[in-house]
Amino acid sequence: MTCPFPDIIPAEYVRWYYKPIKWDETYFSTELFSGYDMIRIENQYRKYCKGEYKSHSKIDVRDGLFEVDFDTRICSPLYWNCEKIPKTPRTVSYRSARVKRGLWFRTDNWQPLLEEESEAIEELFVKSIIHNLRFPLPESKKFEDF
């Protein structure tokens, strides 16, 4: 888990998702955290990646009822034991969930790519695209009229 270029992309552009840990293979839904939670999670995640929050790797989300642990990437309830909740589709949102950071997405279903793939794309994007935007080409290499 790395945060390769945290200062290049604003925190508002990163999406954070949670997907309930399945007990039923038919439940595929991945849910977005609220906008407020996503920005808080991303800002804390960036501090965590820099080593500022190694001892405090958790942040409360979803109205303070759940917490996200960056070490395990699990969002778990704070006030109840999810093993005792009946396993019905209605109660799926009250259970523990896997957490995923979304920066690059699939075009067929707009679900986030795996983080390893996303980080590889991001590194390439920053090195080839963003670098050129920050450091313009010399006059001799610029295109004249098309």
Foldseek 3Di string as FASTA:
>chain_A
DADVDLVPDQQQLKWKWWDFDDPDPVGDDIGTFDSVVSSVLSVLVVCVNVVNQVVPQWDAGDVRQWIAGPVQQKIAGDPDDQVPDDDDPVCRVNGMTGMDMANDADPVPRDGDHPVVVVVVVVVCCVPPVVCVVPPDPPVPDDDDD
